[in-house]
Amino acid sequence: IVAVTDAGYRAEQQVADIESVMALKPDIMITVPA
């Protein structure tokens, strides 16, 4: 596991989290959309 993020139930924060995570180039993303 290379990242765990919490969007605080805000969609705009989750979009930013997804972009940050993409920079780490994970093979898998487990997620629930805000």
PDB file of all heavy atoms in Angstrom:
ATOM      1  N   ILE A   1       0.851  -1.189   0.000  1.00  0.00           N
ATOM      2  CA  ILE A   1       0.000   0.000   0.000  1.00  0.00           C
ATOM      3  C   ILE A   1       0.888   1.242   0.000  1.00  0.00           C
ATOM      4  O   ILE A   1       1.698   1.439   0.895  1.00  0.00           O
ATOM      5  CB  ILE A   1      -0.922   0.013   1.228  1.00  0.00           C
ATOM      6  CG1 ILE A   1      -1.852  -1.207   1.204  1.00  0.00           C
ATOM      7  CG2 ILE A   1      -1.750   1.302   1.272  1.00  0.00           C
ATOM      8  CD1 ILE A   1      -2.643  -1.391   2.474  1.00  0.00           C
ATOM      9  N   VAL A   2       0.731   2.085  -1.017  1.00  0.00           N
ATOM     10  CA  VAL A   2       1.587   3.269  -1.146  1.00  0.00           C
ATOM     11  C   VAL A   2       0.881   4.562  -0.750  1.00  0.00           C
ATOM     12  O   VAL A   2       1.532   5.604  -0.608  1.00  0.00           O
ATOM     13  CB  VAL A   2       2.130   3.392  -2.587  1.00  0.00           C
ATOM     14  CG1 VAL A   2       3.073   2.229  -2.894  1.00  0.00           C
ATOM     15  CG2 VAL A   2       0.991   3.455  -3.607  1.00  0.00           C
ATOM     16  N   ALA A   3      -0.443   4.512  -0.565  1.00  0.00           N
ATOM     17  CA  ALA A   3      -1.173   5.729  -0.165  1.00  0.00           C
ATOM     18  C   ALA A   3      -2.527   5.349   0.399  1.00  0.00           C
ATOM     19  O   ALA A   3      -3.171   4.410  -0.068  1.00  0.00           O
ATOM     20  CB  ALA A   3      -1.356   6.670  -1.357  1.00  0.00           C
ATOM     21  N   VAL A   4      -2.953   6.106   1.413  1.00  0.00           N
ATOM     22  CA  VAL A   4      -4.316   6.033   1.945  1.00  0.00           C
ATOM     23  C   VAL A   4      -4.804   7.470   2.086  1.00  0.00           C
ATOM     24  O   VAL A   4      -4.173   8.279   2.766  1.00  0.00           O
ATOM     25  CB  VAL A   4      -4.374   5.324   3.319  1.00  0.00           C
ATOM     26  CG1 VAL A   4      -5.805   5.331   3.857  1.00  0.00           C
ATOM     27  CG2 VAL A   4      -3.846   3.894   3.218  1.00  0.00           C
ATOM     28  N   THR A   5      -5.903   7.809   1.441  1.00  0.00           N
ATOM     29  CA  THR A   5      -6.382   9.197   1.465  1.00  0.00           C
ATOM     30  C   THR A   5      -7.800   9.284   2.030  1.00  0.00           C
ATOM     31  O   THR A   5      -8.580   8.340   1.960  1.00  0.00           O
ATOM     32  CB  THR A   5      -6.360   9.825   0.058  1.00  0.00           C
ATOM     33  OG1 THR A   5      -7.313   9.150  -0.782  1.00  0.00           O
ATOM     34  CG2 THR A   5      -4.980   9.728  -0.558  1.00  0.00           C
ATOM     35  N   ASP A   6      -8.118  10.452   2.556  1.00  0.00           N
ATOM     36  CA  ASP A   6      -9.427  10.746   3.138  1.00  0.00           C
ATOM     37  C   ASP A   6      -9.893  12.082   2.571  1.00  0.00           C
ATOM     38  O   ASP A   6      -9.282  13.121   2.835  1.00  0.00           O
ATOM     39  CB  ASP A   6      -9.314  10.812   4.668  1.00  0.00           C
ATOM     40  CG  ASP A   6     -10.632  11.112   5.369  1.00  0.00           C
ATOM     41  OD1 ASP A   6     -11.593  11.540   4.698  1.00  0.00           O
ATOM     42  OD2 ASP A   6     -10.700  10.928   6.592  1.00  0.00           O
ATOM     43  N   ALA A   7     -10.993  12.059   1.802  1.00  0.00           N
ATOM     44  CA  ALA A   7     -11.477  13.274   1.144  1.00  0.00           C
ATOM     45  C   ALA A   7     -12.402  14.090   2.028  1.00  0.00           C
ATOM     46  O   ALA A   7     -12.887  15.156   1.597  1.00  0.00           O
ATOM     47  CB  ALA A   7     -12.194  12.915  -0.153  1.00  0.00           C
ATOM     48  N   GLY A   8     -12.677  13.634   3.235  1.00  0.00           N
ATOM     49  CA  GLY A   8     -13.591  14.377   4.101  1.00  0.00           C
ATOM     50  C   GLY A   8     -14.963  14.553   3.492  1.00  0.00           C
ATOM     51  O   GLY A   8     -15.662  15.521   3.762  1.00  0.00           O
ATOM     52  N   TYR A   9     -15.354  13.582   2.663  1.00  0.00           N
ATOM     53  CA  TYR A   9     -16.635  13.593   1.963  1.00  0.00           C
ATOM     54  C   TYR A   9     -16.797  14.795   1.036  1.00  0.00           C
ATOM     55  O   TYR A   9     -17.907  15.260   0.775  1.00  0.00           O
ATOM     56  CB  TYR A   9     -17.818  13.511   2.936  1.00  0.00           C
ATOM     57  CG  TYR A   9     -18.759  12.375   2.588  1.00  0.00           C
ATOM     58  CD1 TYR A   9     -18.961  11.321   3.448  1.00  0.00           C
ATOM     59  CD2 TYR A   9     -19.442  12.370   1.364  1.00  0.00           C
ATOM     60  CE1 TYR A   9     -19.815  10.273   3.126  1.00  0.00           C
ATOM     61  CE2 TYR A   9     -20.286  11.343   1.025  1.00  0.00           C
ATOM     62  CZ  TYR A   9     -20.480  10.294   1.913  1.00  0.00           C
ATOM     63  OH  TYR A   9     -21.309   9.267   1.586  1.00  0.00           O
ATOM     64  N   ARG A  10     -15.700  15.296   0.494  1.00  0.00           N
ATOM     65  CA  ARG A  10     -15.744  16.412  -0.452  1.00  0.00           C
ATOM     66  C   ARG A  10     -15.228  15.931  -1.798  1.00  0.00           C
ATOM     67  O   ARG A  10     -14.077  15.477  -1.912  1.00  0.00           O
ATOM     68  CB  ARG A  10     -14.910  17.589   0.056  1.00  0.00           C
ATOM     69  CG  ARG A  10     -15.375  18.158   1.388  1.00  0.00           C
ATOM     70  CD  ARG A  10     -14.626  19.430   1.757  1.00  0.00           C
ATOM     71  NE  ARG A  10     -13.180  19.214   1.790  1.00  0.00           N
ATOM     72  CZ  ARG A  10     -12.513  18.731   2.842  1.00  0.00           C
ATOM     73  NH1 ARG A  10     -13.167  18.402   3.945  1.00  0.00           N
ATOM     74  NH2 ARG A  10     -11.208  18.573   2.810  1.00  0.00           N
ATOM     75  N   ALA A  11     -16.059  16.037  -2.824  1.00  0.00           N
ATOM     76  CA  ALA A  11     -15.700  15.537  -4.144  1.00  0.00           C
ATOM     77  C   ALA A  11     -14.456  16.229  -4.688  1.00  0.00           C
ATOM     78  O   ALA A  11     -13.580  15.592  -5.291  1.00  0.00           O
ATOM     79  CB  ALA A  11     -16.871  15.716  -5.104  1.00  0.00           C
ATOM     80  N   GLU A  12     -14.363  17.553  -4.473  1.00  0.00           N
ATOM     81  CA  GLU A  12     -13.205  18.283  -5.015  1.00  0.00           C
ATOM     82  C   GLU A  12     -11.904  17.825  -4.365  1.00  0.00           C
ATOM     83  O   GLU A  12     -10.858  17.744  -5.030  1.00  0.00           O
ATOM     84  CB  GLU A  12     -13.384  19.795  -4.843  1.00  0.00           C
ATOM     85  CG  GLU A  12     -13.458  20.294  -3.403  1.00  0.00           C
ATOM     86  CD  GLU A  12     -14.834  20.217  -2.785  1.00  0.00           C
ATOM     87  OE1 GLU A  12     -15.715  19.546  -3.365  1.00  0.00           O
ATOM     88  OE2 GLU A  12     -15.032  20.840  -1.713  1.00  0.00           O
ATOM     89  N   GLN A  13     -11.956  17.476  -3.092  1.00  0.00           N
ATOM     90  CA  GLN A  13     -10.769  16.973  -2.426  1.00  0.00           C
ATOM     91  C   GLN A  13     -10.414  15.591  -2.953  1.00  0.00           C
ATOM     92  O   GLN A  13      -9.240  15.265  -3.136  1.00  0.00           O
ATOM     93  CB  GLN A  13     -10.994  16.900  -0.907  1.00  0.00           C
ATOM     94  CG  GLN A  13      -9.791  16.361  -0.120  1.00  0.00           C
ATOM     95  CD  GLN A  13      -8.533  17.181  -0.324  1.00  0.00           C
ATOM     96  OE1 GLN A  13      -8.547  18.392  -0.123  1.00  0.00           O
ATOM     97  NE2 GLN A  13      -7.439  16.540  -0.731  1.00  0.00           N
ATOM     98  N   GLN A  14     -11.425  14.784  -3.228  1.00  0.00           N
ATOM     99  CA  GLN A  14     -11.143  13.444  -3.734  1.00  0.00           C
ATOM    100  C   GLN A  14     -10.532  13.493  -5.134  1.00  0.00           C
ATOM    101  O   GLN A  14      -9.638  12.694  -5.455  1.00  0.00           O
ATOM    102  CB  GLN A  14     -12.408  12.591  -3.750  1.00  0.00           C
ATOM    103  CG  GLN A  14     -12.111  11.116  -3.994  1.00  0.00           C
ATOM    104  CD  GLN A  14     -13.281  10.240  -3.659  1.00  0.00           C
ATOM    105  OE1 GLN A  14     -14.406  10.510  -4.052  1.00  0.00           O
ATOM    106  NE2 GLN A  14     -13.023   9.166  -2.919  1.00  0.00           N
ATOM    107  N   VAL A  15     -10.986  14.406  -5.943  1.00  0.00           N
ATOM    108  CA  VAL A  15     -10.366  14.576  -7.267  1.00  0.00           C
ATOM    109  C   VAL A  15      -8.884  14.903  -7.104  1.00  0.00           C
ATOM    110  O   VAL A  15      -8.025  14.339  -7.806  1.00  0.00           O
ATOM    111  CB  VAL A  15     -11.088  15.682  -8.060  1.00  0.00           C
ATOM    112  CG1 VAL A  15     -10.286  16.060  -9.313  1.00  0.00           C
ATOM    113  CG2 VAL A  15     -12.492  15.226  -8.449  1.00  0.00           C
ATOM    114  N   ALA A  16      -8.573  15.787  -6.178  1.00  0.00           N
ATOM    115  CA  ALA A  16      -7.170  16.124  -5.914  1.00  0.00           C
ATOM    116  C   ALA A  16      -6.415  14.901  -5.389  1.00  0.00           C
ATOM    117  O   ALA A  16      -5.255  14.672  -5.762  1.00  0.00           O
ATOM    118  CB  ALA A  16      -7.079  17.273  -4.914  1.00  0.00           C
ATOM    119  N   ASP A  17      -7.066  14.104  -4.532  1.00  0.00           N
ATOM    120  CA  ASP A  17      -6.428  12.896  -3.993  1.00  0.00           C
ATOM    121  C   ASP A  17      -6.108  11.909  -5.113  1.00  0.00           C
ATOM    122  O   ASP A  17      -5.025  11.296  -5.141  1.00  0.00           O
ATOM    123  CB  ASP A  17      -7.348  12.219  -2.971  1.00  0.00           C
ATOM    124  CG  ASP A  17      -7.509  13.025  -1.697  1.00  0.00           C
ATOM    125  OD1 ASP A  17      -6.673  13.924  -1.449  1.00  0.00           O
ATOM    126  OD2 ASP A  17      -8.472  12.754  -0.955  1.00  0.00           O
ATOM    127  N   ILE A  18      -7.052  11.736  -6.035  1.00  0.00           N
ATOM    128  CA  ILE A  18      -6.837  10.811  -7.154  1.00  0.00           C
ATOM    129  C   ILE A  18      -5.647  11.264  -7.995  1.00  0.00           C
ATOM    130  O   ILE A  18      -4.790  10.458  -8.397  1.00  0.00           O
ATOM    131  CB  ILE A  18      -8.109  10.697  -8.020  1.00  0.00           C
ATOM    132  CG1 ILE A  18      -9.231  10.028  -7.219  1.00  0.00           C
ATOM    133  CG2 ILE A  18      -7.832   9.904  -9.296  1.00  0.00           C
ATOM    134  CD1 ILE A  18     -10.598  10.150  -7.867  1.00  0.00           C
ATOM    135  N   GLU A  19      -5.569  12.558  -8.256  1.00  0.00           N
ATOM    136  CA  GLU A  19      -4.454  13.086  -9.052  1.00  0.00           C
ATOM    137  C   GLU A  19      -3.121  12.890  -8.333  1.00  0.00           C
ATOM    138  O   GLU A  19      -2.110  12.536  -8.953  1.00  0.00           O
ATOM    139  CB  GLU A  19      -4.698  14.566  -9.354  1.00  0.00           C
ATOM    140  CG  GLU A  19      -5.876  14.793 -10.293  1.00  0.00           C
ATOM    141  CD  GLU A  19      -6.219  16.262 -10.480  1.00  0.00           C
ATOM    142  OE1 GLU A  19      -5.673  17.098  -9.720  1.00  0.00           O
ATOM    143  OE2 GLU A  19      -7.036  16.570 -11.364  1.00  0.00           O
ATOM    144  N   SER A  20      -3.112  13.083  -7.022  1.00  0.00           N
ATOM    145  CA  SER A  20      -1.878  12.878  -6.257  1.00  0.00           C
ATOM    146  C   SER A  20      -1.463  11.414  -6.265  1.00  0.00           C
ATOM    147  O   SER A  20      -0.282  11.084  -6.402  1.00  0.00           O
ATOM    148  CB  SER A  20      -2.074  13.357  -4.812  1.00  0.00           C
ATOM    149  OG  SER A  20      -2.317  14.748  -4.780  1.00  0.00           O
ATOM    150  N   VAL A  21      -2.449  10.543  -6.109  1.00  0.00           N
ATOM    151  CA  VAL A  21      -2.170   9.101  -6.095  1.00  0.00           C
ATOM    152  C   VAL A  21      -1.641   8.638  -7.445  1.00  0.00           C
ATOM    153  O   VAL A  21      -0.747   7.783  -7.517  1.00  0.00           O
ATOM    154  CB  VAL A  21      -3.454   8.338  -5.700  1.00  0.00           C
ATOM    155  CG1 VAL A  21      -3.357   6.869  -6.109  1.00  0.00           C
ATOM    156  CG2 VAL A  21      -3.700   8.451  -4.202  1.00  0.00           C
ATOM    157  N   MET A  22      -2.181   9.190  -8.519  1.00  0.00           N
ATOM    158  CA  MET A  22      -1.731   8.782  -9.853  1.00  0.00           C
ATOM    159  C   MET A  22      -0.236   9.006 -10.045  1.00  0.00           C
ATOM    160  O   MET A  22       0.437   8.239 -10.756  1.00  0.00           O
ATOM    161  CB  MET A  22      -2.512   9.543 -10.925  1.00  0.00           C
ATOM    162  CG  MET A  22      -3.928   9.036 -11.130  1.00  0.00           C
ATOM    163  SD  MET A  22      -4.793   9.980 -12.414  1.00  0.00           S
ATOM    164  CE  MET A  22      -3.783   9.619 -13.850  1.00  0.00           C
ATOM    165  N   ALA A  23       0.294  10.041  -9.388  1.00  0.00           N
ATOM    166  CA  ALA A  23       1.729  10.316  -9.502  1.00  0.00           C
ATOM    167  C   ALA A  23       2.574   9.186  -8.912  1.00  0.00           C
ATOM    168  O   ALA A  23       3.737   9.021  -9.282  1.00  0.00           O
ATOM    169  CB  ALA A  23       2.052  11.634  -8.799  1.00  0.00           C
ATOM    170  N   LEU A  24       1.984   8.393  -8.019  1.00  0.00           N
ATOM    171  CA  LEU A  24       2.688   7.263  -7.405  1.00  0.00           C
ATOM    172  C   LEU A  24       2.618   6.006  -8.270  1.00  0.00           C
ATOM    173  O   LEU A  24       3.272   5.010  -7.973  1.00  0.00           O
ATOM    174  CB  LEU A  24       2.097   6.970  -6.022  1.00  0.00           C
ATOM    175  CG  LEU A  24       2.145   8.122  -5.021  1.00  0.00           C
ATOM    176  CD1 LEU A  24       1.415   7.739  -3.732  1.00  0.00           C
ATOM    177  CD2 LEU A  24       3.590   8.517  -4.721  1.00  0.00           C
ATOM    178  N   LYS A  25       1.805   6.049  -9.311  1.00  0.00           N
ATOM    179  CA  LYS A  25       1.647   4.960 -10.277  1.00  0.00           C
ATOM    180  C   LYS A  25       1.330   3.609  -9.616  1.00  0.00           C
ATOM    181  O   LYS A  25       2.012   2.609  -9.863  1.00  0.00           O
ATOM    182  CB  LYS A  25       2.900   4.840 -11.148  1.00  0.00           C
ATOM    183  CG  LYS A  25       3.176   6.088 -11.970  1.00  0.00           C
ATOM    184  CD  LYS A  25       4.383   5.932 -12.864  1.00  0.00           C
ATOM    185  CE  LYS A  25       4.609   7.177 -13.695  1.00  0.00           C
ATOM    186  NZ  LYS A  25       5.816   7.062 -14.583  1.00  0.00           N
ATOM    187  N   PRO A  26       0.291   3.549  -8.782  1.00  0.00           N
ATOM    188  CA  PRO A  26      -0.082   2.260  -8.195  1.00  0.00           C
ATOM    189  C   PRO A  26      -0.680   1.346  -9.254  1.00  0.00           C
ATOM    190  O   PRO A  26      -1.248   1.813 -10.253  1.00  0.00           O
ATOM    191  CB  PRO A  26      -1.122   2.643  -7.145  1.00  0.00           C
ATOM    192  CG  PRO A  26      -1.759   3.863  -7.706  1.00  0.00           C
ATOM    193  CD  PRO A  26      -0.649   4.620  -8.388  1.00  0.00           C
ATOM    194  N   ASP A  27      -0.560   0.056  -9.049  1.00  0.00           N
ATOM    195  CA  ASP A  27      -1.185  -0.893  -9.962  1.00  0.00           C
ATOM    196  C   ASP A  27      -2.690  -0.973  -9.718  1.00  0.00           C
ATOM    197  O   ASP A  27      -3.463  -1.220 -10.648  1.00  0.00           O
ATOM    198  CB  ASP A  27      -0.563  -2.283  -9.767  1.00  0.00           C
ATOM    199  CG  ASP A  27       0.927  -2.290 -10.061  1.00  0.00           C
ATOM    200  OD1 ASP A  27       1.287  -2.165 -11.244  1.00  0.00           O
ATOM    201  OD2 ASP A  27       1.711  -2.383  -9.106  1.00  0.00           O
ATOM    202  N   ILE A  28      -3.087  -0.775  -8.457  1.00  0.00           N
ATOM    203  CA  ILE A  28      -4.479  -0.957  -8.054  1.00  0.00           C
ATOM    204  C   ILE A  28      -4.948   0.259  -7.256  1.00  0.00           C
ATOM    205  O   ILE A  28      -4.180   0.835  -6.487  1.00  0.00           O
ATOM    206  CB  ILE A  28      -4.626  -2.213  -7.170  1.00  0.00           C
ATOM    207  CG1 ILE A  28      -4.231  -3.462  -7.944  1.00  0.00           C
ATOM    208  CG2 ILE A  28      -6.030  -2.362  -6.604  1.00  0.00           C
ATOM    209  CD1 ILE A  28      -3.937  -4.637  -7.043  1.00  0.00           C
ATOM    210  N   MET A  29      -6.202   0.620  -7.431  1.00  0.00           N
ATOM    211  CA  MET A  29      -6.832   1.638  -6.584  1.00  0.00           C
ATOM    212  C   MET A  29      -8.129   1.059  -6.037  1.00  0.00           C
ATOM    213  O   MET A  29      -8.993   0.617  -6.799  1.00  0.00           O
ATOM    214  CB  MET A  29      -7.125   2.914  -7.373  1.00  0.00           C
ATOM    215  CG  MET A  29      -7.766   4.024  -6.530  1.00  0.00           C
ATOM    216  SD  MET A  29      -8.322   5.451  -7.522  1.00  0.00           S
ATOM    217  CE  MET A  29      -6.757   6.069  -8.146  1.00  0.00           C
ATOM    218  N   ILE A  30      -8.264   1.034  -4.710  1.00  0.00           N
ATOM    219  CA  ILE A  30      -9.499   0.638  -4.055  1.00  0.00           C
ATOM    220  C   ILE A  30     -10.142   1.909  -3.526  1.00  0.00           C
ATOM    221  O   ILE A  30      -9.516   2.665  -2.781  1.00  0.00           O
ATOM    222  CB  ILE A  30      -9.238  -0.362  -2.914  1.00  0.00           C
ATOM    223  CG1 ILE A  30      -8.565  -1.620  -3.447  1.00  0.00           C
ATOM    224  CG2 ILE A  30     -10.541  -0.725  -2.207  1.00  0.00           C
ATOM    225  CD1 ILE A  30      -8.163  -2.614  -2.374  1.00  0.00           C
ATOM    226  N   THR A  31     -11.397   2.154  -3.903  1.00  0.00           N
ATOM    227  CA  THR A  31     -11.938   3.485  -3.641  1.00  0.00           C
ATOM    228  C   THR A  31     -13.456   3.506  -3.604  1.00  0.00           C
ATOM    229  O   THR A  31     -14.125   2.630  -4.166  1.00  0.00           O
ATOM    230  CB  THR A  31     -11.443   4.462  -4.736  1.00  0.00           C
ATOM    231  OG1 THR A  31     -11.910   5.780  -4.471  1.00  0.00           O
ATOM    232  CG2 THR A  31     -11.923   4.024  -6.121  1.00  0.00           C
ATOM    233  N   VAL A  32     -13.993   4.509  -2.916  1.00  0.00           N
ATOM    234  CA  VAL A  32     -15.421   4.803  -2.957  1.00  0.00           C
ATOM    235  C   VAL A  32     -15.590   6.280  -3.290  1.00  0.00           C
ATOM    236  O   VAL A  32     -14.996   7.138  -2.630  1.00  0.00           O
ATOM    237  CB  VAL A  32     -16.124   4.447  -1.619  1.00  0.00           C
ATOM    238  CG1 VAL A  32     -15.439   5.098  -0.435  1.00  0.00           C
ATOM    239  CG2 VAL A  32     -17.591   4.852  -1.640  1.00  0.00           C
ATOM    240  N   PRO A  33     -16.330   6.603  -4.338  1.00  0.00           N
ATOM    241  CA  PRO A  33     -16.503   8.010  -4.716  1.00  0.00           C
ATOM    242  C   PRO A  33     -17.288   8.793  -3.659  1.00  0.00           C
ATOM    243  O   PRO A  33     -18.304   8.322  -3.149  1.00  0.00           O
ATOM    244  CB  PRO A  33     -17.303   7.932  -6.021  1.00  0.00           C
ATOM    245  CG  PRO A  33     -17.086   6.545  -6.543  1.00  0.00           C
ATOM    246  CD  PRO A  33     -16.958   5.695  -5.320  1.00  0.00           C
ATOM    247  N   ALA A  34     -16.826   9.994  -3.365  1.00  0.00           N
ATOM    248  CA  ALA A  34     -17.584  10.886  -2.493  1.00  0.00           C
ATOM    249  C   ALA A  34     -18.850  11.361  -3.205  1.00  0.00           C
ATOM    250  O   ALA A  34     -19.865  11.644  -2.564  1.00  0.00           O
ATOM    251  CB  ALA A  34     -16.723  12.082  -2.090  1.00  0.00           C
TER     252      ALA A  34
END
